[in-house]
Amino acid sequence: MTVHDSNGMNGVIVINKPAGLTSHDVVNRVRRISGEKSVGHLGTLDPMATGVLPLVAGRMTRLAQFYTTSNKCYEGEIRFGFSTDTYDAEGEPSSDSCSVNLSLDEIRKAAKFFVGRIEQMPPPFSAKKIQGVPAYKLARKNRDVELKAVEVEVREFEITTFEGDRARFTSDVSSGTYIRSLAHDLGRKLGCGAHLSALCRTRSGEFGLEDAITLEALEQAAADETFASLLVHPRRLLPNFPCVTADEENVARISNGRSVNLPDMSKAKLVKVFAGQSDLIAIASRVAGTLFHPKVVLMHLQ
């Protein structure tokens, strides 16, 4: 018995996104480098932003559904004195410039207002859809953008330094939180306007900057045929799901979409099912007791 995961790249790879590229630009670059057509990302980064951009490729794109609520961590810079229409440095000024007479303590006190579960208004230039149309497309045509506030969770919004008109910060937020909106709203609360001037995502779910590689390193690995060594080990994926190693008979059954009894002692509703140490063949959901049914099949028998 062998496990077959099709030709091409199958796995998760973390890119350290450079500034100036959209997330889709990065996806296209990885498609060209790897030769794998089926590639997607696990959470958009704005073109100005850098940092952790996890990508799923091949059969592993089926895992994307389990990452929709992953927490994100950032560090960045906010410039005070005026706001912009995009809420970041790439936009046009949307308020008059004013002098900045703030202290670090004042900014920190104001930032605490945005920690916890809050109602946040997405930026007009965002991917949020209005009647099926992304808001940024309407905004570019100077059409009214009527967005609704969304509940998000900000676990951390810490102002670390302040000098001149710029403050550095770190943040830990729920999926769907706009750091641009945090910067904009902070400036509005302080009465001087503000916008996001720099942003780096340091963590997305279980993936951190320590896992991330540059596109140039990826190209070199492809040339050296060491591409597979850059993939995140499957047992590190979805750490909240227990790992279960199935025997040969159960591997055959579950890879063909059939329910199986697995030696799992946890109470988890979902588990990662492996054939051996590194072949992730399925994500299975608990039916009852130790009986599991495959929710997503990632590899098949050959």
C-alpha atoms as a PDB file:
ATOM      1  CA  MET A   1       0.000   0.000   0.000  1.00  0.00           C
ATOM      2  CA  THR A   2       1.239   3.502  -0.860  1.00  0.00           C
ATOM      3  CA  VAL A   3      -0.328   6.860  -0.214  1.00  0.00           C
ATOM      4  CA  HIS A   4      -0.742   8.987  -3.323  1.00  0.00           C
ATOM      5  CA  ASP A   5      -0.928  12.785  -3.078  1.00  0.00           C
ATOM      6  CA  SER A   6      -0.811  13.629  -6.804  1.00  0.00           C
ATOM      7  CA  ASN A   7       1.938  15.381  -8.733  1.00  0.00           C
ATOM      8  CA  GLY A   8       2.999  18.909  -7.875  1.00  0.00           C
ATOM      9  CA  MET A   9       3.340  20.644  -4.549  1.00  0.00           C
ATOM     10  CA  ASN A  10       1.055  19.545  -1.741  1.00  0.00           C
ATOM     11  CA  GLY A  11       1.489  21.313   1.553  1.00  0.00           C
ATOM     12  CA  VAL A  12       1.675  24.575   3.451  1.00  0.00           C
ATOM     13  CA  ILE A  13       4.437  27.099   2.904  1.00  0.00           C
ATOM     14  CA  VAL A  14       4.868  30.431   4.689  1.00  0.00           C
ATOM     15  CA  ILE A  15       6.064  33.404   2.662  1.00  0.00           C
ATOM     16  CA  ASN A  16       7.559  36.577   4.136  1.00  0.00           C
ATOM     17  CA  LYS A  17       5.606  38.940   1.921  1.00  0.00           C
ATOM     18  CA  PRO A  18       7.523  41.975   0.688  1.00  0.00           C
ATOM     19  CA  ALA A  19       5.953  45.428   0.524  1.00  0.00           C
ATOM     20  CA  GLY A  20       4.452  46.420  -2.807  1.00  0.00           C
ATOM     21  CA  LEU A  21       2.902  43.077  -3.726  1.00  0.00           C
ATOM     22  CA  THR A  22      -0.709  42.064  -3.192  1.00  0.00           C
ATOM     23  CA  SER A  23      -1.397  38.691  -1.595  1.00  0.00           C
ATOM     24  CA  HIS A  24      -2.658  37.513  -4.981  1.00  0.00           C
ATOM     25  CA  ASP A  25       0.616  38.633  -6.582  1.00  0.00           C
ATOM     26  CA  VAL A  26       2.451  36.348  -4.152  1.00  0.00           C
ATOM     27  CA  VAL A  27       0.097  33.460  -4.930  1.00  0.00           C
ATOM     28  CA  ASN A  28       0.781  33.904  -8.647  1.00  0.00           C
ATOM     29  CA  ARG A  29       4.545  33.988  -8.069  1.00  0.00           C
ATOM     30  CA  VAL A  30       4.390  30.741  -6.077  1.00  0.00           C
ATOM     31  CA  ARG A  31       2.272  29.122  -8.786  1.00  0.00           C
ATOM     32  CA  ARG A  32       4.914  29.974 -11.377  1.00  0.00           C
ATOM     33  CA  ILE A  33       7.835  28.903  -9.193  1.00  0.00           C
ATOM     34  CA  SER A  34       6.315  25.620  -8.037  1.00  0.00           C
ATOM     35  CA  GLY A  35       4.380  24.635 -11.140  1.00  0.00           C
ATOM     36  CA  GLU A  36       1.359  23.986  -8.898  1.00  0.00           C
ATOM     37  CA  LYS A  37      -1.795  25.701 -10.173  1.00  0.00           C
ATOM     38  CA  SER A  38      -3.848  25.155  -7.030  1.00  0.00           C
ATOM     39  CA  VAL A  39      -2.430  27.672  -4.526  1.00  0.00           C
ATOM     40  CA  GLY A  40      -4.266  29.959  -2.110  1.00  0.00           C
ATOM     41  CA  HIS A  41      -3.472  32.151   0.895  1.00  0.00           C
ATOM     42  CA  LEU A  42      -4.844  31.975   4.438  1.00  0.00           C
ATOM     43  CA  GLY A  43      -5.585  35.668   4.983  1.00  0.00           C
ATOM     44  CA  THR A  44      -5.001  38.780   2.903  1.00  0.00           C
ATOM     45  CA  LEU A  45      -2.208  41.238   3.587  1.00  0.00           C
ATOM     46  CA  ASP A  46      -2.490  44.743   2.119  1.00  0.00           C
ATOM     47  CA  PRO A  47       0.150  45.636  -0.521  1.00  0.00           C
ATOM     48  CA  MET A  48       1.920  48.000   1.906  1.00  0.00           C
ATOM     49  CA  ALA A  49       2.197  45.305   4.587  1.00  0.00           C
ATOM     50  CA  THR A  50       4.974  42.758   4.996  1.00  0.00           C
ATOM     51  CA  GLY A  51       5.337  39.533   6.919  1.00  0.00           C
ATOM     52  CA  VAL A  52       3.643  36.201   7.444  1.00  0.00           C
ATOM     53  CA  LEU A  53       1.531  35.006   4.515  1.00  0.00           C
ATOM     54  CA  PRO A  54       0.733  31.255   4.807  1.00  0.00           C
ATOM     55  CA  LEU A  55      -0.093  29.536   1.523  1.00  0.00           C
ATOM     56  CA  VAL A  56      -1.822  26.224   0.933  1.00  0.00           C
ATOM     57  CA  ALA A  57      -1.070  24.272  -2.219  1.00  0.00           C
ATOM     58  CA  GLY A  58      -2.347  21.236  -4.057  1.00  0.00           C
ATOM     59  CA  ARG A  59      -4.657  19.024  -2.029  1.00  0.00           C
ATOM     60  CA  MET A  60      -3.833  21.055   1.084  1.00  0.00           C
ATOM     61  CA  THR A  61      -5.981  23.924  -0.216  1.00  0.00           C
ATOM     62  CA  ARG A  62      -8.818  21.900   1.309  1.00  0.00           C
ATOM     63  CA  LEU A  63      -7.504  22.891   4.732  1.00  0.00           C
ATOM     64  CA  ALA A  64      -8.308  26.578   4.163  1.00  0.00           C
ATOM     65  CA  GLN A  65     -11.801  26.155   5.632  1.00  0.00           C
ATOM     66  CA  PHE A  66     -10.248  25.434   9.048  1.00  0.00           C
ATOM     67  CA  TYR A  67      -8.237  28.674   9.122  1.00  0.00           C
ATOM     68  CA  THR A  68     -11.023  31.230   8.724  1.00  0.00           C
ATOM     69  CA  THR A  69     -10.878  32.263  12.395  1.00  0.00           C
ATOM     70  CA  SER A  70      -7.116  32.226  12.969  1.00  0.00           C
ATOM     71  CA  ASN A  71      -5.732  34.978  15.194  1.00  0.00           C
ATOM     72  CA  LYS A  72      -3.213  37.428  13.752  1.00  0.00           C
ATOM     73  CA  CYS A  73      -0.334  39.320  15.403  1.00  0.00           C
ATOM     74  CA  TYR A  74       1.229  42.498  14.043  1.00  0.00           C
ATOM     75  CA  GLU A  75       3.774  45.174  14.742  1.00  0.00           C
ATOM     76  CA  GLY A  76       3.739  48.497  12.982  1.00  0.00           C
ATOM     77  CA  GLU A  77       3.726  52.247  13.017  1.00  0.00           C
ATOM     78  CA  ILE A  78       0.973  54.882  13.213  1.00  0.00           C
ATOM     79  CA  ARG A  79       1.513  58.433  12.000  1.00  0.00           C
ATOM     80  CA  PHE A  80      -0.525  61.147  13.708  1.00  0.00           C
ATOM     81  CA  GLY A  81      -1.518  64.540  12.310  1.00  0.00           C
ATOM     82  CA  PHE A  82      -3.878  63.663   9.476  1.00  0.00           C
ATOM     83  CA  SER A  83      -6.066  60.823   8.259  1.00  0.00           C
ATOM     84  CA  THR A  84      -6.210  59.311   4.768  1.00  0.00           C
ATOM     85  CA  ASP A  85      -9.030  57.896   2.655  1.00  0.00           C
ATOM     86  CA  THR A  86      -7.514  54.401   2.749  1.00  0.00           C
ATOM     87  CA  TYR A  87      -6.566  54.683   6.448  1.00  0.00           C
ATOM     88  CA  ASP A  88      -2.923  54.005   5.512  1.00  0.00           C
ATOM     89  CA  ALA A  89       0.060  55.747   3.915  1.00  0.00           C
ATOM     90  CA  GLU A  90      -0.976  54.752   0.392  1.00  0.00           C
ATOM     91  CA  GLY A  91      -4.097  56.926   0.440  1.00  0.00           C
ATOM     92  CA  GLU A  92      -4.822  60.596  -0.069  1.00  0.00           C
ATOM     93  CA  PRO A  93      -5.175  62.935   2.936  1.00  0.00           C
ATOM     94  CA  SER A  94      -8.794  63.097   4.081  1.00  0.00           C
ATOM     95  CA  SER A  95      -8.346  65.679   6.823  1.00  0.00           C
ATOM     96  CA  ASP A  96      -6.377  68.860   7.322  1.00  0.00           C
ATOM     97  CA  SER A  97      -2.889  68.439   8.721  1.00  0.00           C
ATOM     98  CA  CYS A  98      -2.460  69.519  12.315  1.00  0.00           C
ATOM     99  CA  SER A  99       0.359  69.719  14.817  1.00  0.00           C
ATOM    100  CA  VAL A 100       0.781  66.726  17.103  1.00  0.00           C
ATOM    101  CA  ASN A 101       0.986  67.499  20.793  1.00  0.00           C
ATOM    102  CA  LEU A 102       0.603  64.110  22.399  1.00  0.00           C
ATOM    103  CA  SER A 103       2.407  62.109  25.052  1.00  0.00           C
ATOM    104  CA  LEU A 104       3.095  58.393  25.103  1.00  0.00           C
ATOM    105  CA  ASP A 105       0.802  58.033  28.114  1.00  0.00           C
ATOM    106  CA  GLU A 106      -2.070  59.804  26.317  1.00  0.00           C
ATOM    107  CA  ILE A 107      -1.776  57.505  23.301  1.00  0.00           C
ATOM    108  CA  ARG A 108      -1.542  54.392  25.469  1.00  0.00           C
ATOM    109  CA  LYS A 109      -4.618  55.445  27.432  1.00  0.00           C
ATOM    110  CA  ALA A 110      -6.588  56.007  24.220  1.00  0.00           C
ATOM    111  CA  ALA A 111      -5.413  52.699  22.734  1.00  0.00           C
ATOM    112  CA  LYS A 112      -6.870  50.782  25.700  1.00  0.00           C
ATOM    113  CA  PHE A 113     -10.323  51.899  24.551  1.00  0.00           C
ATOM    114  CA  PHE A 114      -9.967  49.550  21.565  1.00  0.00           C
ATOM    115  CA  VAL A 115      -8.961  46.413  23.504  1.00  0.00           C
ATOM    116  CA  GLY A 116     -11.584  43.695  23.917  1.00  0.00           C
ATOM    117  CA  ARG A 117     -14.623  42.909  21.817  1.00  0.00           C
ATOM    118  CA  ILE A 118     -15.380  46.031  19.816  1.00  0.00           C
ATOM    119  CA  GLU A 119     -17.559  47.140  16.927  1.00  0.00           C
ATOM    120  CA  GLN A 120     -15.195  48.102  14.116  1.00  0.00           C
ATOM    121  CA  MET A 121     -16.007  49.856  10.845  1.00  0.00           C
ATOM    122  CA  PRO A 122     -13.976  48.438   7.922  1.00  0.00           C
ATOM    123  CA  PRO A 123     -12.095  50.966   5.754  1.00  0.00           C
ATOM    124  CA  PRO A 124     -13.915  52.222   2.628  1.00  0.00           C
ATOM    125  CA  PHE A 125     -10.993  50.859   0.586  1.00  0.00           C
ATOM    126  CA  SER A 126     -11.291  47.229   1.648  1.00  0.00           C
ATOM    127  CA  ALA A 127     -12.279  43.836   0.273  1.00  0.00           C
ATOM    128  CA  LYS A 128     -15.562  43.862   2.211  1.00  0.00           C
ATOM    129  CA  LYS A 129     -18.365  43.268  -0.275  1.00  0.00           C
ATOM    130  CA  ILE A 130     -21.411  45.486  -0.733  1.00  0.00           C
ATOM    131  CA  GLN A 131     -24.094  43.662  -2.710  1.00  0.00           C
ATOM    132  CA  GLY A 132     -21.376  41.415  -4.115  1.00  0.00           C
ATOM    133  CA  VAL A 133     -18.978  44.224  -5.072  1.00  0.00           C
ATOM    134  CA  PRO A 134     -15.731  44.829  -3.121  1.00  0.00           C
ATOM    135  CA  ALA A 135     -15.883  48.149  -1.290  1.00  0.00           C
ATOM    136  CA  TYR A 136     -12.582  49.359  -2.761  1.00  0.00           C
ATOM    137  CA  LYS A 137     -14.001  49.132  -6.308  1.00  0.00           C
ATOM    138  CA  LEU A 138     -16.896  51.393  -5.337  1.00  0.00           C
ATOM    139  CA  ALA A 139     -14.592  53.768  -3.464  1.00  0.00           C
ATOM    140  CA  ARG A 140     -12.310  54.134  -6.491  1.00  0.00           C
ATOM    141  CA  LYS A 141     -15.328  55.229  -8.540  1.00  0.00           C
ATOM    142  CA  ASN A 142     -16.220  57.796  -5.854  1.00  0.00           C
ATOM    143  CA  ARG A 143     -19.455  55.942  -5.146  1.00  0.00           C
ATOM    144  CA  ASP A 144     -20.959  55.835  -1.684  1.00  0.00           C
ATOM    145  CA  VAL A 145     -19.608  52.964   0.392  1.00  0.00           C
ATOM    146  CA  GLU A 146     -22.090  51.966   3.080  1.00  0.00           C
ATOM    147  CA  LEU A 147     -20.269  49.491   5.263  1.00  0.00           C
ATOM    148  CA  LYS A 148     -21.590  48.013   8.482  1.00  0.00           C
ATOM    149  CA  ALA A 149     -19.641  47.737  11.713  1.00  0.00           C
ATOM    150  CA  VAL A 150     -18.378  44.251  12.518  1.00  0.00           C
ATOM    151  CA  GLU A 151     -17.622  42.785  15.936  1.00  0.00           C
ATOM    152  CA  VAL A 152     -13.958  41.888  16.291  1.00  0.00           C
ATOM    153  CA  GLU A 153     -11.727  41.009  19.218  1.00  0.00           C
ATOM    154  CA  VAL A 154      -8.556  42.946  19.958  1.00  0.00           C
ATOM    155  CA  ARG A 155      -6.571  40.975  22.515  1.00  0.00           C
ATOM    156  CA  GLU A 156      -3.647  43.373  22.497  1.00  0.00           C
ATOM    157  CA  PHE A 157      -3.070  46.892  21.173  1.00  0.00           C
ATOM    158  CA  GLU A 158       0.082  48.069  22.900  1.00  0.00           C
ATOM    159  CA  ILE A 159       1.792  51.349  22.049  1.00  0.00           C
ATOM    160  CA  THR A 160       5.492  50.653  22.578  1.00  0.00           C
ATOM    161  CA  THR A 161       7.177  53.934  21.614  1.00  0.00           C
ATOM    162  CA  PHE A 162       6.261  57.450  20.479  1.00  0.00           C
ATOM    163  CA  GLU A 163       8.569  59.974  18.855  1.00  0.00           C
ATOM    164  CA  GLY A 164       7.682  63.058  16.817  1.00  0.00           C
ATOM    165  CA  ASP A 165       4.392  62.210  15.119  1.00  0.00           C
ATOM    166  CA  ARG A 166       4.863  58.435  14.968  1.00  0.00           C
ATOM    167  CA  ALA A 167       4.049  55.644  17.387  1.00  0.00           C
ATOM    168  CA  ARG A 168       5.145  52.023  17.228  1.00  0.00           C
ATOM    169  CA  PHE A 169       2.729  49.296  18.359  1.00  0.00           C
ATOM    170  CA  THR A 170       2.119  45.575  18.670  1.00  0.00           C
ATOM    171  CA  SER A 171      -1.281  43.923  18.361  1.00  0.00           C
ATOM    172  CA  ASP A 172      -2.994  40.557  18.644  1.00  0.00           C
ATOM    173  CA  VAL A 173      -6.391  40.463  16.947  1.00  0.00           C
ATOM    174  CA  SER A 174      -9.103  38.140  15.726  1.00  0.00           C
ATOM    175  CA  SER A 175      -9.509  37.291  12.077  1.00  0.00           C
ATOM    176  CA  GLY A 176     -11.289  40.069  10.190  1.00  0.00           C
ATOM    177  CA  THR A 177      -9.820  42.914  12.245  1.00  0.00           C
ATOM    178  CA  TYR A 178      -8.483  45.836  10.223  1.00  0.00           C
ATOM    179  CA  ILE A 179      -5.329  47.331  11.725  1.00  0.00           C
ATOM    180  CA  ARG A 180      -5.846  50.306   9.406  1.00  0.00           C
ATOM    181  CA  SER A 181      -9.153  50.968  11.146  1.00  0.00           C
ATOM    182  CA  LEU A 182      -7.499  50.761  14.569  1.00  0.00           C
ATOM    183  CA  ALA A 183      -5.012  53.429  13.498  1.00  0.00           C
ATOM    184  CA  HIS A 184      -7.726  55.637  11.990  1.00  0.00           C
ATOM    185  CA  ASP A 185     -10.043  55.308  14.978  1.00  0.00           C
ATOM    186  CA  LEU A 186      -7.210  55.983  17.417  1.00  0.00           C
ATOM    187  CA  GLY A 187      -6.418  59.231  15.632  1.00  0.00           C
ATOM    188  CA  ARG A 188     -10.044  60.235  15.662  1.00  0.00           C
ATOM    189  CA  LYS A 189     -10.326  59.541  19.382  1.00  0.00           C
ATOM    190  CA  LEU A 190      -7.253  61.678  20.053  1.00  0.00           C
ATOM    191  CA  GLY A 191      -8.643  64.458  17.864  1.00  0.00           C
ATOM    192  CA  CYS A 192      -5.663  64.817  15.548  1.00  0.00           C
ATOM    193  CA  GLY A 193      -6.222  62.250  12.784  1.00  0.00           C
ATOM    194  CA  ALA A 194      -3.938  59.287  12.126  1.00  0.00           C
ATOM    195  CA  HIS A 195      -3.174  56.608   9.602  1.00  0.00           C
ATOM    196  CA  LEU A 196      -1.198  53.370   9.417  1.00  0.00           C
ATOM    197  CA  SER A 197       2.307  54.124   8.114  1.00  0.00           C
ATOM    198  CA  ALA A 198       3.914  50.651   8.356  1.00  0.00           C
ATOM    199  CA  LEU A 199       2.741  47.120   9.152  1.00  0.00           C
ATOM    200  CA  CYS A 200       4.324  43.698   9.541  1.00  0.00           C
ATOM    201  CA  ARG A 201       2.332  40.564  10.341  1.00  0.00           C
ATOM    202  CA  THR A 202       4.414  38.549  12.782  1.00  0.00           C
ATOM    203  CA  ARG A 203       2.029  35.623  13.259  1.00  0.00           C
ATOM    204  CA  SER A 204      -1.007  34.068  11.585  1.00  0.00           C
ATOM    205  CA  GLY A 205      -2.485  31.123  13.456  1.00  0.00           C
ATOM    206  CA  GLU A 206       0.362  28.738  14.235  1.00  0.00           C
ATOM    207  CA  PHE A 207       2.693  30.316  11.656  1.00  0.00           C
ATOM    208  CA  GLY A 208       5.276  32.924  12.668  1.00  0.00           C
ATOM    209  CA  LEU A 209       8.040  34.947  11.054  1.00  0.00           C
ATOM    210  CA  GLU A 210      10.463  32.189  12.067  1.00  0.00           C
ATOM    211  CA  ASP A 211       8.655  29.924   9.580  1.00  0.00           C
ATOM    212  CA  ALA A 212       8.594  32.433   6.730  1.00  0.00           C
ATOM    213  CA  ILE A 213      10.875  32.428   3.695  1.00  0.00           C
ATOM    214  CA  THR A 214      11.399  34.971   0.950  1.00  0.00           C
ATOM    215  CA  LEU A 215      10.234  34.481  -2.621  1.00  0.00           C
ATOM    216  CA  GLU A 216      13.892  34.533  -3.651  1.00  0.00           C
ATOM    217  CA  ALA A 217      14.658  31.644  -1.295  1.00  0.00           C
ATOM    218  CA  LEU A 218      11.710  29.768  -2.758  1.00  0.00           C
ATOM    219  CA  GLU A 219      13.026  30.268  -6.290  1.00  0.00           C
ATOM    220  CA  GLN A 220      16.452  28.992  -5.237  1.00  0.00           C
ATOM    221  CA  ALA A 221      14.924  25.926  -3.563  1.00  0.00           C
ATOM    222  CA  ALA A 222      12.959  25.178  -6.722  1.00  0.00           C
ATOM    223  CA  ALA A 223      16.173  25.406  -8.763  1.00  0.00           C
ATOM    224  CA  ASP A 224      17.971  23.128  -6.289  1.00  0.00           C
ATOM    225  CA  GLU A 225      15.014  20.711  -6.153  1.00  0.00           C
ATOM    226  CA  THR A 226      14.815  21.125  -2.363  1.00  0.00           C
ATOM    227  CA  PHE A 227      11.349  22.623  -2.466  1.00  0.00           C
ATOM    228  CA  ALA A 228       9.764  19.955  -0.251  1.00  0.00           C
ATOM    229  CA  SER A 229      12.108  20.818   2.640  1.00  0.00           C
ATOM    230  CA  LEU A 230      10.461  24.265   2.942  1.00  0.00           C
ATOM    231  CA  LEU A 231       6.965  22.922   3.546  1.00  0.00           C
ATOM    232  CA  VAL A 232       5.574  23.092   7.079  1.00  0.00           C
ATOM    233  CA  HIS A 233       5.549  19.600   8.594  1.00  0.00           C
ATOM    234  CA  PRO A 234       1.935  18.317   8.502  1.00  0.00           C
ATOM    235  CA  ARG A 235       1.939  17.452  12.217  1.00  0.00           C
ATOM    236  CA  ARG A 236       2.427  21.147  13.008  1.00  0.00           C
ATOM    237  CA  LEU A 237      -0.718  22.127  11.127  1.00  0.00           C
ATOM    238  CA  LEU A 238      -3.955  22.858  13.023  1.00  0.00           C
ATOM    239  CA  PRO A 239      -2.406  22.245  16.457  1.00  0.00           C
ATOM    240  CA  ASN A 240      -5.821  22.241  18.151  1.00  0.00           C
ATOM    241  CA  PHE A 241      -6.700  19.052  16.272  1.00  0.00           C
ATOM    242  CA  PRO A 242      -5.157  15.912  17.845  1.00  0.00           C
ATOM    243  CA  CYS A 243      -3.001  13.671  15.643  1.00  0.00           C
ATOM    244  CA  VAL A 244      -4.116  10.076  15.143  1.00  0.00           C
ATOM    245  CA  THR A 245      -2.021   7.518  13.271  1.00  0.00           C
ATOM    246  CA  ALA A 246      -4.214   4.987  11.487  1.00  0.00           C
ATOM    247  CA  ASP A 247      -3.272   1.409  10.689  1.00  0.00           C
ATOM    248  CA  GLU A 248      -3.108   0.179   7.109  1.00  0.00           C
ATOM    249  CA  GLU A 249      -6.690  -1.054   7.003  1.00  0.00           C
ATOM    250  CA  ASN A 250      -8.134   2.198   8.361  1.00  0.00           C
ATOM    251  CA  VAL A 251      -5.947   4.280   6.055  1.00  0.00           C
ATOM    252  CA  ALA A 252      -7.501   2.444   3.134  1.00  0.00           C
ATOM    253  CA  ARG A 253     -11.028   2.952   4.442  1.00  0.00           C
ATOM    254  CA  ILE A 254     -10.796   6.613   5.416  1.00  0.00           C
ATOM    255  CA  SER A 255      -8.938   7.633   2.251  1.00  0.00           C
ATOM    256  CA  ASN A 256     -11.907   6.258   0.341  1.00  0.00           C
ATOM    257  CA  GLY A 257     -14.414   8.274   2.363  1.00  0.00           C
ATOM    258  CA  ARG A 258     -15.549   5.595   4.789  1.00  0.00           C
ATOM    259  CA  SER A 259     -16.027   5.853   8.565  1.00  0.00           C
ATOM    260  CA  VAL A 260     -13.475   4.198  10.812  1.00  0.00           C
ATOM    261  CA  ASN A 261     -12.743   3.532  14.463  1.00  0.00           C
ATOM    262  CA  LEU A 262      -9.587   5.348  15.495  1.00  0.00           C
ATOM    263  CA  PRO A 263      -7.456   5.000  18.634  1.00  0.00           C
ATOM    264  CA  ASP A 264      -8.185   8.513  19.897  1.00  0.00           C
ATOM    265  CA  MET A 265      -8.412   9.248  23.619  1.00  0.00           C
ATOM    266  CA  SER A 266      -9.270  12.951  23.285  1.00  0.00           C
ATOM    267  CA  LYS A 267     -12.709  14.525  23.258  1.00  0.00           C
ATOM    268  CA  ALA A 268     -11.967  16.577  20.152  1.00  0.00           C
ATOM    269  CA  LYS A 269     -14.622  16.797  17.464  1.00  0.00           C
ATOM    270  CA  LEU A 270     -12.015  16.901  14.704  1.00  0.00           C
ATOM    271  CA  VAL A 271      -8.721  14.998  14.382  1.00  0.00           C
ATOM    272  CA  LYS A 272      -5.854  14.836  11.900  1.00  0.00           C
ATOM    273  CA  VAL A 273      -5.464  11.326  10.525  1.00  0.00           C
ATOM    274  CA  PHE A 274      -1.968  10.209   9.481  1.00  0.00           C
ATOM    275  CA  ALA A 275      -0.515   7.253   7.649  1.00  0.00           C
ATOM    276  CA  GLY A 276       2.885   7.022   9.310  1.00  0.00           C
ATOM    277  CA  GLN A 277       4.609  10.120  10.665  1.00  0.00           C
ATOM    278  CA  SER A 278       4.222  12.591   7.814  1.00  0.00           C
ATOM    279  CA  ASP A 279       1.391  11.628   5.453  1.00  0.00           C
ATOM    280  CA  LEU A 280      -1.694  13.617   6.469  1.00  0.00           C
ATOM    281  CA  ILE A 281      -4.514  11.775   4.742  1.00  0.00           C
ATOM    282  CA  ALA A 282      -7.655  13.322   6.218  1.00  0.00           C
ATOM    283  CA  ILE A 283      -9.369  15.569   8.701  1.00  0.00           C
ATOM    284  CA  ALA A 284     -12.032  13.426  10.373  1.00  0.00           C
ATOM    285  CA  SER A 285     -14.997  14.372  12.523  1.00  0.00           C
ATOM    286  CA  ARG A 286     -16.167  12.344  15.495  1.00  0.00           C
ATOM    287  CA  VAL A 287     -19.461  10.516  14.940  1.00  0.00           C
ATOM    288  CA  ALA A 288     -19.671   8.794  18.321  1.00  0.00           C
ATOM    289  CA  GLY A 289     -17.112   7.349  20.694  1.00  0.00           C
ATOM    290  CA  THR A 290     -14.067   6.419  18.614  1.00  0.00           C
ATOM    291  CA  LEU A 291     -15.987   6.325  15.321  1.00  0.00           C
ATOM    292  CA  PHE A 292     -14.855   9.032  12.890  1.00  0.00           C
ATOM    293  CA  HIS A 293     -15.954  10.040   9.419  1.00  0.00           C
ATOM    294  CA  PRO A 294     -13.651  11.859   6.984  1.00  0.00           C
ATOM    295  CA  LYS A 295     -14.637  15.514   6.631  1.00  0.00           C
ATOM    296  CA  VAL A 296     -11.828  16.251   4.192  1.00  0.00           C
ATOM    297  CA  VAL A 297      -9.754  13.615   2.370  1.00  0.00           C
ATOM    298  CA  LEU A 298      -6.282  14.895   1.446  1.00  0.00           C
ATOM    299  CA  MET A 299      -4.620  11.782   0.017  1.00  0.00           C
ATOM    300  CA  HIS A 300      -5.764   8.612  -1.651  1.00  0.00           C
ATOM    301  CA  LEU A 301      -4.396   5.112  -1.919  1.00  0.00           C
ATOM    302  CA  GLN A 302      -2.582   4.038  -5.041  1.00  0.00           C
END
